[in-house]
Each structure stands twice: as structure tokens, then as C-alpha cells.
């Protein structure tokens, strides 16, 4: 997974372990400072990391043997992602590397994640029928050979528009970018620690349970909300918001060329395009979450009160 590896400070993640140890009191704090991650998040990551192997809690690493034998990591994609992580001299994944990778998955833009996904599937090589058959067999082990063969045929017919006999990185990214935003987000939701290991989020006092919230009818986005967001977001780095809504840097450049030096119009047009693309999924709740992820909590709070 070259895109990820190239963003992990080009080291094997052994810096912290050189001066501290899981048994030491400063283990969590040292990782928080080195990786520039909030202390409470590092504590959460450590809880998940140690859930993969008993040795992880003792030595602070996930060994090659533990990774291969783990009964927790059953998802083929997760295993491939972990296999692409930078390793130390003993071919182990350190907790520091895991922290850095988790941070990357949280902050990387859509296009970088798509390139990472492609490189993970076939080590960065173009995907031909044979490679695709192997990939689908790995991820859908319960499917019959006949079903996998049919899926390969459909996939190649749709993506290999140049009749090359394979799908390259640009074709793959172009195809996924044409999907609805919600579908793209689900593809890019890399749970590099399996869900059954992840800690449940505690319910805050006075907070409505998620089951109750999910029963609420989505609130439609009005022109007043769009104008309010465009006015306030255009005064900031709204490209982060664009990324959270599924737009690439090329999309943002196209908006800038269409409305030169008119940031308000650019943001408004972006929101309009997003709504046209996502249909019923483009509601106030979805926009609120995107704003919060873009460090625009104040705007998110305003649109929920509109």
C-alpha cells in the first residue's frame, strides 16, 4: 500500500519503542506526542491494537506470525492492508506505525484513499481477469466459481473500456468516482481493526440513543441553508469540505474556472452538484457531519437550528 507507506514518515515506526515500553507509564503519552494524536484517541487505538494479539500488549508490536494466525482478522482486505504496512527489522508492525496509519486513514483525501485501495488490491499492478478472480475469491470465499467468473466478466466489461485486457489505476478511480457519494464512502471505510475488536462509544448523559435518532426523518436542505453555508464556508478553506463531500481537486479546480474569484458561487455550486448527485442522501444531517469533519462545527450548529 505505497500511498499509505509513503505518508508514514518513511520509517518503520520504532522511534517510540526505542525509549519506552508498553509497561512504562509514558507509553501512551509518548505515542500521542510523537504521532500528534490526542491522548484519549491513542488510548482507544491501543485498546484495539492489543485486541489482535496477546503479544501486542506485551511487546507493543504485531508480529508477522500473529498477523497470519489471528482469528480476529478474517476480512481479506484488512489483512492485505496490514500486510502493506511498514515493518521493523523483525517484520513486525509497531504500535507507532498503527497510530500513524490510523491518522492517515482519517485525514487523507478521497483520491489518495482510492489510489491506496487500488495499490492494495494487486500491489499497484493493473488488474486483469486472473488478478480480479483471485481478489474476488479472497473477499468472497463463500461464492461459487461460477458466480465469481460472472462477476469478473461484468466488472471487466464495464471498466475495461479500452479493451486492454486489464484495468489500470486511472480507470479504476474514474469508475469509483462516478458512484454515489454514499457508496464511495462505504468503500473507503477502512476498518483496519475489525469491528468486533473496536470499543463501543459510551452514550453521553442526556444523549438520544442512535436507534431513536435513526428513526427521525431526514431534513431537506433549503436554499437558505445552502446560502448560509456558502457565505460562511467560502471565507475559509472550503476545499476540505469539498473533499468530505466527495469532490476531488480536479472538481474544485473546475468550479474555480467556472466562477473565477467568486468563492461564494463556487461553494454554492458545489453544494448544488452534491445534492443533484446524492439525491435523498444529501440532507441536513449528512451536511452537518461533513462540516464537522472540516473543522466548521459552528456552521454545522447553525444549519441544525435553521
C-alpha atoms as a PDB file:
ATOM      1  CA  UNK A   1       0.000   0.000   0.000  1.00  0.00           C
ATOM      2  CA  UNK A   2       2.503   2.541  -1.247  1.00  0.00           C
ATOM      3  CA  UNK A   3       0.307   5.595  -0.800  1.00  0.00           C
ATOM      4  CA  UNK A   4      -0.017   4.878   2.898  1.00  0.00           C
ATOM      5  CA  UNK A   5       3.571   3.794   3.423  1.00  0.00           C
ATOM      6  CA  UNK A   6       4.898   6.951   1.788  1.00  0.00           C
ATOM      7  CA  UNK A   7       2.950   9.041   4.279  1.00  0.00           C
ATOM      8  CA  UNK A   8       4.206   7.292   7.420  1.00  0.00           C
ATOM      9  CA  UNK A   9       7.331   9.425   7.860  1.00  0.00           C
ATOM     10  CA  UNK A  10       9.389   6.863   5.899  1.00  0.00           C
ATOM     11  CA  UNK A  11      10.340   4.854   8.974  1.00  0.00           C
ATOM     12  CA  UNK A  12       9.421   1.518  10.474  1.00  0.00           C
ATOM     13  CA  UNK A  13       7.699   3.050  13.495  1.00  0.00           C
ATOM     14  CA  UNK A  14      10.375   2.084  16.002  1.00  0.00           C
ATOM     15  CA  UNK A  15      11.214   5.566  17.282  1.00  0.00           C
ATOM     16  CA  UNK A  16       8.945   5.483  20.349  1.00  0.00           C
ATOM     17  CA  UNK A  17       9.814   1.879  21.277  1.00  0.00           C
ATOM     18  CA  UNK A  18      13.483   2.840  21.455  1.00  0.00           C
ATOM     19  CA  UNK A  19      12.924   4.844  24.631  1.00  0.00           C
ATOM     20  CA  UNK A  20       9.795   3.369  26.200  1.00  0.00           C
ATOM     21  CA  UNK A  21       7.864   0.097  26.575  1.00  0.00           C
ATOM     22  CA  UNK A  22       4.184  -0.946  26.935  1.00  0.00           C
ATOM     23  CA  UNK A  23       4.756  -1.478  30.666  1.00  0.00           C
ATOM     24  CA  UNK A  24       6.068   2.068  31.105  1.00  0.00           C
ATOM     25  CA  UNK A  25       3.772   4.821  32.351  1.00  0.00           C
ATOM     26  CA  UNK A  26       4.646   7.108  29.444  1.00  0.00           C
ATOM     27  CA  UNK A  27       3.816   4.556  26.695  1.00  0.00           C
ATOM     28  CA  UNK A  28       0.504   6.131  25.677  1.00  0.00           C
ATOM     29  CA  UNK A  29       1.655   9.719  26.171  1.00  0.00           C
ATOM     30  CA  UNK A  30       4.831   9.137  24.128  1.00  0.00           C
ATOM     31  CA  UNK A  31       2.787   7.910  21.175  1.00  0.00           C
ATOM     32  CA  UNK A  32       0.349  10.800  21.492  1.00  0.00           C
ATOM     33  CA  UNK A  33       3.200  13.311  21.302  1.00  0.00           C
ATOM     34  CA  UNK A  34       5.185  11.563  18.569  1.00  0.00           C
ATOM     35  CA  UNK A  35       2.192  10.879  16.312  1.00  0.00           C
ATOM     36  CA  UNK A  36       0.428  14.159  17.148  1.00  0.00           C
ATOM     37  CA  UNK A  37      -2.788  12.387  18.117  1.00  0.00           C
ATOM     38  CA  UNK A  38      -4.990  13.295  21.134  1.00  0.00           C
ATOM     39  CA  UNK A  39      -4.211  11.221  24.219  1.00  0.00           C
ATOM     40  CA  UNK A  40      -7.738   9.816  24.502  1.00  0.00           C
ATOM     41  CA  UNK A  41      -7.590   8.621  20.875  1.00  0.00           C
ATOM     42  CA  UNK A  42      -4.243   6.875  21.437  1.00  0.00           C
ATOM     43  CA  UNK A  43      -5.756   5.073  24.433  1.00  0.00           C
ATOM     44  CA  UNK A  44      -8.602   3.898  22.204  1.00  0.00           C
ATOM     45  CA  UNK A  45      -6.191   2.796  19.473  1.00  0.00           C
ATOM     46  CA  UNK A  46      -4.095   0.877  21.995  1.00  0.00           C
ATOM     47  CA  UNK A  47      -7.172  -0.975  23.226  1.00  0.00           C
ATOM     48  CA  UNK A  48      -7.991  -2.051  19.671  1.00  0.00           C
ATOM     49  CA  UNK A  49      -4.401  -2.883  18.753  1.00  0.00           C
ATOM     50  CA  UNK A  50      -3.927  -5.198  21.727  1.00  0.00           C
ATOM     51  CA  UNK A  51      -7.165  -6.969  20.842  1.00  0.00           C
ATOM     52  CA  UNK A  52      -5.455  -8.506  17.821  1.00  0.00           C
ATOM     53  CA  UNK A  53      -2.814 -10.479  19.688  1.00  0.00           C
ATOM     54  CA  UNK A  54      -1.741 -11.277  23.240  1.00  0.00           C
ATOM     55  CA  UNK A  55       1.833 -10.439  22.311  1.00  0.00           C
ATOM     56  CA  UNK A  56       0.827  -6.962  21.174  1.00  0.00           C
ATOM     57  CA  UNK A  57       0.087  -5.891  24.737  1.00  0.00           C
ATOM     58  CA  UNK A  58       3.413  -7.268  25.950  1.00  0.00           C
ATOM     59  CA  UNK A  59       5.787  -6.057  23.252  1.00  0.00           C
ATOM     60  CA  UNK A  60       3.866  -3.272  21.549  1.00  0.00           C
ATOM     61  CA  UNK A  61       4.114  -4.938  18.144  1.00  0.00           C
ATOM     62  CA  UNK A  62       2.012  -7.152  15.898  1.00  0.00           C
ATOM     63  CA  UNK A  63       4.364  -9.862  14.673  1.00  0.00           C
ATOM     64  CA  UNK A  64       4.197 -11.476  11.256  1.00  0.00           C
ATOM     65  CA  UNK A  65       3.198 -14.775  12.885  1.00  0.00           C
ATOM     66  CA  UNK A  66       0.466 -13.147  14.987  1.00  0.00           C
ATOM     67  CA  UNK A  67      -0.913 -11.394  11.915  1.00  0.00           C
ATOM     68  CA  UNK A  68      -1.012 -14.656   9.958  1.00  0.00           C
ATOM     69  CA  UNK A  69      -2.607 -16.643  12.784  1.00  0.00           C
ATOM     70  CA  UNK A  70      -5.033 -14.033  14.074  1.00  0.00           C
ATOM     71  CA  UNK A  71      -8.570 -15.367  14.318  1.00  0.00           C
ATOM     72  CA  UNK A  72      -9.846 -11.804  14.616  1.00  0.00           C
ATOM     73  CA  UNK A  73      -8.657 -10.580  11.216  1.00  0.00           C
ATOM     74  CA  UNK A  74     -10.898 -12.507   8.866  1.00  0.00           C
ATOM     75  CA  UNK A  75     -11.522  -9.806   6.268  1.00  0.00           C
ATOM     76  CA  UNK A  76      -9.246 -10.241   3.256  1.00  0.00           C
ATOM     77  CA  UNK A  77      -8.908  -6.511   2.582  1.00  0.00           C
ATOM     78  CA  UNK A  78      -7.956  -5.725   6.186  1.00  0.00           C
ATOM     79  CA  UNK A  79      -5.287  -8.426   6.101  1.00  0.00           C
ATOM     80  CA  UNK A  80      -3.885  -7.078   2.822  1.00  0.00           C
ATOM     81  CA  UNK A  81      -3.802  -3.538   4.227  1.00  0.00           C
ATOM     82  CA  UNK A  82      -1.920  -4.668   7.320  1.00  0.00           C
ATOM     83  CA  UNK A  83       0.497  -6.668   5.182  1.00  0.00           C
ATOM     84  CA  UNK A  84       1.394  -3.470   3.323  1.00  0.00           C
ATOM     85  CA  UNK A  85       2.236  -1.543   6.491  1.00  0.00           C
ATOM     86  CA  UNK A  86       5.925  -0.639   7.034  1.00  0.00           C
ATOM     87  CA  UNK A  87       7.621  -3.284   9.194  1.00  0.00           C
ATOM     88  CA  UNK A  88      10.570  -3.089  11.579  1.00  0.00           C
ATOM     89  CA  UNK A  89      13.663  -5.303  11.371  1.00  0.00           C
ATOM     90  CA  UNK A  90      11.777  -8.285  12.822  1.00  0.00           C
ATOM     91  CA  UNK A  91       8.974  -7.908  10.241  1.00  0.00           C
ATOM     92  CA  UNK A  92       6.543  -6.651  12.899  1.00  0.00           C
ATOM     93  CA  UNK A  93       4.058  -3.773  12.840  1.00  0.00           C
ATOM     94  CA  UNK A  94       4.714  -1.401  15.717  1.00  0.00           C
ATOM     95  CA  UNK A  95       2.001   0.435  17.590  1.00  0.00           C
ATOM     96  CA  UNK A  96       3.523   3.705  16.388  1.00  0.00           C
ATOM     97  CA  UNK A  97       3.043   2.610  12.771  1.00  0.00           C
ATOM     98  CA  UNK A  98      -0.547   1.678  13.508  1.00  0.00           C
ATOM     99  CA  UNK A  99      -1.196   5.096  15.086  1.00  0.00           C
ATOM    100  CA  UNK A 100       0.297   6.889  12.077  1.00  0.00           C
ATOM    101  CA  UNK A 101      -1.711   4.740   9.669  1.00  0.00           C
ATOM    102  CA  UNK A 102      -4.947   5.365  11.570  1.00  0.00           C
ATOM    103  CA  UNK A 103      -4.302   9.074  11.409  1.00  0.00           C
ATOM    104  CA  UNK A 104      -3.668   8.854   7.661  1.00  0.00           C
ATOM    105  CA  UNK A 105      -6.901   6.948   7.035  1.00  0.00           C
ATOM    106  CA  UNK A 106      -8.786   9.610   8.989  1.00  0.00           C
ATOM    107  CA  UNK A 107      -7.311  12.652   7.248  1.00  0.00           C
ATOM    108  CA  UNK A 108      -6.418  11.559   3.695  1.00  0.00           C
ATOM    109  CA  UNK A 109      -8.500  12.918   0.831  1.00  0.00           C
ATOM    110  CA  UNK A 110     -10.786  10.795  -1.319  1.00  0.00           C
ATOM    111  CA  UNK A 111      -8.413  10.441  -4.257  1.00  0.00           C
ATOM    112  CA  UNK A 112      -5.456   9.343  -2.118  1.00  0.00           C
ATOM    113  CA  UNK A 113      -7.648   6.726  -0.455  1.00  0.00           C
ATOM    114  CA  UNK A 114      -8.806   5.445  -3.846  1.00  0.00           C
ATOM    115  CA  UNK A 115      -5.203   5.123  -5.025  1.00  0.00           C
ATOM    116  CA  UNK A 116      -4.353   3.328  -1.793  1.00  0.00           C
ATOM    117  CA  UNK A 117      -7.243   0.937  -2.350  1.00  0.00           C
ATOM    118  CA  UNK A 118      -6.088   0.170  -5.897  1.00  0.00           C
ATOM    119  CA  UNK A 119      -2.494  -0.458  -4.806  1.00  0.00           C
ATOM    120  CA  UNK A 120      -3.699  -2.759  -2.058  1.00  0.00           C
ATOM    121  CA  UNK A 121      -5.811  -4.927  -4.346  1.00  0.00           C
ATOM    122  CA  UNK A 122      -2.997  -6.025  -6.681  1.00  0.00           C
ATOM    123  CA  UNK A 123       0.199  -4.460  -5.325  1.00  0.00           C
ATOM    124  CA  UNK A 124      -0.231  -1.471  -7.624  1.00  0.00           C
ATOM    125  CA  UNK A 125      -0.251  -3.552 -10.801  1.00  0.00           C
ATOM    126  CA  UNK A 126      -3.066  -3.312 -13.392  1.00  0.00           C
ATOM    127  CA  UNK A 127      -5.928  -5.683 -12.624  1.00  0.00           C
ATOM    128  CA  UNK A 128      -6.547  -8.305 -15.299  1.00  0.00           C
ATOM    129  CA  UNK A 129      -9.077 -11.139 -15.261  1.00  0.00           C
ATOM    130  CA  UNK A 130      -6.763 -13.517 -13.431  1.00  0.00           C
ATOM    131  CA  UNK A 131      -5.927 -10.963 -10.740  1.00  0.00           C
ATOM    132  CA  UNK A 132      -9.565  -9.984 -10.341  1.00  0.00           C
ATOM    133  CA  UNK A 133     -10.595 -13.625  -9.955  1.00  0.00           C
ATOM    134  CA  UNK A 134      -8.018 -14.011  -7.185  1.00  0.00           C
ATOM    135  CA  UNK A 135      -9.184 -10.802  -5.469  1.00  0.00           C
ATOM    136  CA  UNK A 136     -12.871 -11.733  -5.553  1.00  0.00           C
ATOM    137  CA  UNK A 137     -12.095 -15.254  -4.336  1.00  0.00           C
ATOM    138  CA  UNK A 138     -10.228 -13.760  -1.390  1.00  0.00           C
ATOM    139  CA  UNK A 139     -13.030 -11.379  -0.420  1.00  0.00           C
ATOM    140  CA  UNK A 140     -15.975 -13.633  -1.296  1.00  0.00           C
ATOM    141  CA  UNK A 141     -14.730 -17.064  -0.280  1.00  0.00           C
ATOM    142  CA  UNK A 142     -18.299 -18.379   0.045  1.00  0.00           C
ATOM    143  CA  UNK A 143     -19.165 -17.575  -3.564  1.00  0.00           C
ATOM    144  CA  UNK A 144     -19.068 -20.318  -6.195  1.00  0.00           C
ATOM    145  CA  UNK A 145     -16.519 -20.274  -9.021  1.00  0.00           C
ATOM    146  CA  UNK A 146     -19.364 -19.725 -11.459  1.00  0.00           C
ATOM    147  CA  UNK A 147     -20.601 -16.628  -9.628  1.00  0.00           C
ATOM    148  CA  UNK A 148     -17.093 -15.182  -9.302  1.00  0.00           C
ATOM    149  CA  UNK A 149     -16.445 -15.818 -13.003  1.00  0.00           C
ATOM    150  CA  UNK A 150     -19.653 -13.996 -13.900  1.00  0.00           C
ATOM    151  CA  UNK A 151     -18.750 -11.051 -11.660  1.00  0.00           C
ATOM    152  CA  UNK A 152     -15.297 -10.859 -13.258  1.00  0.00           C
ATOM    153  CA  UNK A 153     -16.875 -10.772 -16.711  1.00  0.00           C
ATOM    154  CA  UNK A 154     -19.273  -7.978 -15.722  1.00  0.00           C
ATOM    155  CA  UNK A 155     -16.567  -5.971 -13.971  1.00  0.00           C
ATOM    156  CA  UNK A 156     -14.131  -6.136 -16.890  1.00  0.00           C
ATOM    157  CA  UNK A 157     -16.817  -5.313 -19.453  1.00  0.00           C
ATOM    158  CA  UNK A 158     -17.767  -2.172 -17.536  1.00  0.00           C
ATOM    159  CA  UNK A 159     -14.286  -0.903 -16.656  1.00  0.00           C
ATOM    160  CA  UNK A 160     -12.032  -2.058 -19.489  1.00  0.00           C
ATOM    161  CA  UNK A 161     -13.471   0.439 -21.962  1.00  0.00           C
ATOM    162  CA  UNK A 162     -10.220   0.454 -23.972  1.00  0.00           C
ATOM    163  CA  UNK A 163     -10.254  -3.335 -24.445  1.00  0.00           C
ATOM    164  CA  UNK A 164      -6.760  -3.623 -22.986  1.00  0.00           C
ATOM    165  CA  UNK A 165      -7.445  -6.830 -21.112  1.00  0.00           C
ATOM    166  CA  UNK A 166      -6.803  -5.071 -17.794  1.00  0.00           C
ATOM    167  CA  UNK A 167      -7.912  -2.120 -15.662  1.00  0.00           C
ATOM    168  CA  UNK A 168      -5.320   0.491 -14.707  1.00  0.00           C
ATOM    169  CA  UNK A 169      -5.321   2.865 -11.756  1.00  0.00           C
ATOM    170  CA  UNK A 170      -6.867   5.827 -13.583  1.00  0.00           C
ATOM    171  CA  UNK A 171      -9.715   3.708 -14.987  1.00  0.00           C
ATOM    172  CA  UNK A 172     -10.396   2.271 -11.538  1.00  0.00           C
ATOM    173  CA  UNK A 173     -10.509   5.707  -9.880  1.00  0.00           C
ATOM    174  CA  UNK A 174     -12.659   7.212 -12.642  1.00  0.00           C
ATOM    175  CA  UNK A 175     -15.148   4.351 -12.266  1.00  0.00           C
ATOM    176  CA  UNK A 176     -15.467   4.668  -8.493  1.00  0.00           C
ATOM    177  CA  UNK A 177     -15.726   8.475  -8.636  1.00  0.00           C
ATOM    178  CA  UNK A 178     -18.826   8.002 -10.757  1.00  0.00           C
ATOM    179  CA  UNK A 179     -20.584   6.144  -7.951  1.00  0.00           C
ATOM    180  CA  UNK A 180     -22.923   7.837  -5.447  1.00  0.00           C
ATOM    181  CA  UNK A 181     -21.043   9.508  -2.608  1.00  0.00           C
ATOM    182  CA  UNK A 182     -22.510   7.161  -0.002  1.00  0.00           C
ATOM    183  CA  UNK A 183     -21.213   4.147  -1.947  1.00  0.00           C
ATOM    184  CA  UNK A 184     -17.736   5.644  -2.279  1.00  0.00           C
ATOM    185  CA  UNK A 185     -17.639   6.380   1.454  1.00  0.00           C
ATOM    186  CA  UNK A 186     -18.556   2.792   2.298  1.00  0.00           C
ATOM    187  CA  UNK A 187     -15.745   1.530   0.053  1.00  0.00           C
ATOM    188  CA  UNK A 188     -13.268   3.852   1.742  1.00  0.00           C
ATOM    189  CA  UNK A 189     -14.330   2.990   5.287  1.00  0.00           C
ATOM    190  CA  UNK A 190     -11.151   1.097   6.116  1.00  0.00           C
ATOM    191  CA  UNK A 191     -11.636  -0.625   9.489  1.00  0.00           C
ATOM    192  CA  UNK A 192      -8.011  -1.689   9.925  1.00  0.00           C
ATOM    193  CA  UNK A 193      -9.001  -3.048  13.304  1.00  0.00           C
ATOM    194  CA  UNK A 194     -12.050  -5.321  12.872  1.00  0.00           C
ATOM    195  CA  UNK A 195     -15.361  -4.041  14.173  1.00  0.00           C
ATOM    196  CA  UNK A 196     -15.686  -6.785  16.795  1.00  0.00           C
ATOM    197  CA  UNK A 197     -12.475  -5.534  18.417  1.00  0.00           C
ATOM    198  CA  UNK A 198     -13.408  -1.878  18.409  1.00  0.00           C
ATOM    199  CA  UNK A 199     -14.614  -0.382  21.628  1.00  0.00           C
ATOM    200  CA  UNK A 200     -18.228   0.812  21.779  1.00  0.00           C
ATOM    201  CA  UNK A 201     -18.698   4.532  22.164  1.00  0.00           C
ATOM    202  CA  UNK A 202     -20.279   5.377  25.537  1.00  0.00           C
ATOM    203  CA  UNK A 203     -23.595   7.136  25.446  1.00  0.00           C
ATOM    204  CA  UNK A 204     -23.356  10.605  26.935  1.00  0.00           C
ATOM    205  CA  UNK A 205     -25.756  11.751  29.580  1.00  0.00           C
ATOM    206  CA  UNK A 206     -28.885  13.170  28.017  1.00  0.00           C
ATOM    207  CA  UNK A 207     -27.923  11.926  24.553  1.00  0.00           C
ATOM    208  CA  UNK A 208     -30.579  10.321  22.390  1.00  0.00           C
ATOM    209  CA  UNK A 209     -29.805   6.675  21.591  1.00  0.00           C
ATOM    210  CA  UNK A 210     -28.753   6.072  17.983  1.00  0.00           C
ATOM    211  CA  UNK A 211     -31.700   3.783  17.420  1.00  0.00           C
ATOM    212  CA  UNK A 212     -34.038   6.683  18.210  1.00  0.00           C
ATOM    213  CA  UNK A 213     -32.065   9.110  16.079  1.00  0.00           C
ATOM    214  CA  UNK A 214     -32.176   6.786  13.089  1.00  0.00           C
ATOM    215  CA  UNK A 215     -35.973   6.855  13.175  1.00  0.00           C
ATOM    216  CA  UNK A 216     -36.052  10.590  12.583  1.00  0.00           C
ATOM    217  CA  UNK A 217     -36.981  11.669   9.079  1.00  0.00           C
ATOM    218  CA  UNK A 218     -34.077  13.307   7.185  1.00  0.00           C
ATOM    219  CA  UNK A 219     -34.345  17.084   6.942  1.00  0.00           C
ATOM    220  CA  UNK A 220     -34.087  18.510   3.434  1.00  0.00           C
ATOM    221  CA  UNK A 221     -31.535  21.211   2.628  1.00  0.00           C
ATOM    222  CA  UNK A 222     -33.179  24.501   1.687  1.00  0.00           C
ATOM    223  CA  UNK A 223     -31.778  27.318  -0.447  1.00  0.00           C
ATOM    224  CA  UNK A 224     -31.391  29.406   2.730  1.00  0.00           C
ATOM    225  CA  UNK A 225     -29.178  26.702   4.273  1.00  0.00           C
ATOM    226  CA  UNK A 226     -27.117  26.467   1.093  1.00  0.00           C
ATOM    227  CA  UNK A 227     -26.638  30.235   1.022  1.00  0.00           C
ATOM    228  CA  UNK A 228     -25.667  30.317   4.698  1.00  0.00           C
ATOM    229  CA  UNK A 229     -23.099  27.548   4.263  1.00  0.00           C
ATOM    230  CA  UNK A 230     -21.736  29.096   1.059  1.00  0.00           C
ATOM    231  CA  UNK A 231     -21.380  32.514   2.713  1.00  0.00           C
ATOM    232  CA  UNK A 232     -19.538  31.254   5.766  1.00  0.00           C
ATOM    233  CA  UNK A 233     -17.548  28.374   4.264  1.00  0.00           C
ATOM    234  CA  UNK A 234     -16.293  30.468   1.335  1.00  0.00           C
ATOM    235  CA  UNK A 235     -14.411  32.649   3.824  1.00  0.00           C
ATOM    236  CA  UNK A 236     -12.403  29.599   4.946  1.00  0.00           C
ATOM    237  CA  UNK A 237     -10.571  26.685   3.334  1.00  0.00           C
ATOM    238  CA  UNK A 238     -13.728  25.158   1.904  1.00  0.00           C
ATOM    239  CA  UNK A 239     -11.691  22.657  -0.147  1.00  0.00           C
ATOM    240  CA  UNK A 240     -11.649  20.445   2.946  1.00  0.00           C
ATOM    241  CA  UNK A 241     -15.451  20.477   2.923  1.00  0.00           C
ATOM    242  CA  UNK A 242     -15.401  19.678  -0.795  1.00  0.00           C
ATOM    243  CA  UNK A 243     -13.245  16.641  -0.079  1.00  0.00           C
ATOM    244  CA  UNK A 244     -15.594  15.443   2.652  1.00  0.00           C
ATOM    245  CA  UNK A 245     -18.477  15.716   0.191  1.00  0.00           C
ATOM    246  CA  UNK A 246     -16.661  13.526  -2.322  1.00  0.00           C
ATOM    247  CA  UNK A 247     -15.152  16.140  -4.651  1.00  0.00           C
ATOM    248  CA  UNK A 248     -11.619  15.788  -5.967  1.00  0.00           C
ATOM    249  CA  UNK A 249      -9.044  18.536  -6.517  1.00  0.00           C
ATOM    250  CA  UNK A 250      -9.934  18.465 -10.218  1.00  0.00           C
ATOM    251  CA  UNK A 251     -13.587  19.105  -9.345  1.00  0.00           C
ATOM    252  CA  UNK A 252     -12.620  22.103  -7.198  1.00  0.00           C
ATOM    253  CA  UNK A 253     -10.418  23.487  -9.987  1.00  0.00           C
ATOM    254  CA  UNK A 254     -13.322  23.183 -12.429  1.00  0.00           C
ATOM    255  CA  UNK A 255     -15.547  25.194 -10.070  1.00  0.00           C
ATOM    256  CA  UNK A 256     -12.857  27.873  -9.738  1.00  0.00           C
ATOM    257  CA  UNK A 257     -12.599  28.141 -13.516  1.00  0.00           C
ATOM    258  CA  UNK A 258     -16.355  28.360 -13.865  1.00  0.00           C
ATOM    259  CA  UNK A 259     -16.686  31.077 -11.198  1.00  0.00           C
ATOM    260  CA  UNK A 260     -13.304  32.870 -11.079  1.00  0.00           C
ATOM    261  CA  UNK A 261     -12.670  34.862  -7.886  1.00  0.00           C
ATOM    262  CA  UNK A 262     -16.211  34.165  -6.677  1.00  0.00           C
ATOM    263  CA  UNK A 263     -15.813  31.806  -3.728  1.00  0.00           C
ATOM    264  CA  UNK A 264     -19.443  32.083  -2.643  1.00  0.00           C
ATOM    265  CA  UNK A 265     -20.679  30.973  -6.053  1.00  0.00           C
ATOM    266  CA  UNK A 266     -18.127  28.154  -6.140  1.00  0.00           C
ATOM    267  CA  UNK A 267     -19.279  26.739  -2.802  1.00  0.00           C
ATOM    268  CA  UNK A 268     -22.958  27.184  -3.672  1.00  0.00           C
ATOM    269  CA  UNK A 269     -22.470  25.372  -6.990  1.00  0.00           C
ATOM    270  CA  UNK A 270     -20.569  22.602  -5.232  1.00  0.00           C
ATOM    271  CA  UNK A 271     -23.455  22.079  -2.801  1.00  0.00           C
ATOM    272  CA  UNK A 272     -25.912  22.045  -5.693  1.00  0.00           C
ATOM    273  CA  UNK A 273     -23.866  19.418  -7.524  1.00  0.00           C
ATOM    274  CA  UNK A 274     -23.630  17.343  -4.359  1.00  0.00           C
ATOM    275  CA  UNK A 275     -27.401  17.456  -3.870  1.00  0.00           C
ATOM    276  CA  UNK A 276     -28.065  16.546  -7.507  1.00  0.00           C
ATOM    277  CA  UNK A 277     -25.678  13.605  -7.216  1.00  0.00           C
ATOM    278  CA  UNK A 278     -26.752  12.240  -3.844  1.00  0.00           C
ATOM    279  CA  UNK A 279     -30.494  12.870  -4.146  1.00  0.00           C
ATOM    280  CA  UNK A 280     -32.247  11.866  -0.887  1.00  0.00           C
ATOM    281  CA  UNK A 281     -28.918  11.134   0.819  1.00  0.00           C
ATOM    282  CA  UNK A 282     -27.995  14.829   0.634  1.00  0.00           C
ATOM    283  CA  UNK A 283     -29.764  16.029   3.759  1.00  0.00           C
ATOM    284  CA  UNK A 284     -29.016  18.322   6.682  1.00  0.00           C
ATOM    285  CA  UNK A 285     -27.564  15.504   8.786  1.00  0.00           C
ATOM    286  CA  UNK A 286     -25.096  14.500   6.046  1.00  0.00           C
ATOM    287  CA  UNK A 287     -24.038  18.112   5.505  1.00  0.00           C
ATOM    288  CA  UNK A 288     -23.702  18.643   9.254  1.00  0.00           C
ATOM    289  CA  UNK A 289     -21.311  15.694   9.556  1.00  0.00           C
ATOM    290  CA  UNK A 290     -19.235  16.906   6.589  1.00  0.00           C
ATOM    291  CA  UNK A 291     -18.967  20.373   8.130  1.00  0.00           C
ATOM    292  CA  UNK A 292     -17.863  18.960  11.476  1.00  0.00           C
ATOM    293  CA  UNK A 293     -15.214  16.835   9.767  1.00  0.00           C
ATOM    294  CA  UNK A 294     -13.986  20.026   8.063  1.00  0.00           C
ATOM    295  CA  UNK A 295     -13.498  21.884  11.375  1.00  0.00           C
ATOM    296  CA  UNK A 296     -16.586  24.014  10.728  1.00  0.00           C
ATOM    297  CA  UNK A 297     -18.541  22.998  13.816  1.00  0.00           C
ATOM    298  CA  UNK A 298     -20.014  26.486  14.191  1.00  0.00           C
ATOM    299  CA  UNK A 299     -21.591  26.345  10.739  1.00  0.00           C
ATOM    300  CA  UNK A 300     -22.816  22.815  11.420  1.00  0.00           C
ATOM    301  CA  UNK A 301     -24.505  24.054  14.595  1.00  0.00           C
ATOM    302  CA  UNK A 302     -26.204  26.891  12.714  1.00  0.00           C
ATOM    303  CA  UNK A 303     -27.746  24.756   9.990  1.00  0.00           C
ATOM    304  CA  UNK A 304     -29.265  22.368  12.533  1.00  0.00           C
ATOM    305  CA  UNK A 305     -31.012  25.323  14.168  1.00  0.00           C
ATOM    306  CA  UNK A 306     -32.325  26.743  10.900  1.00  0.00           C
END
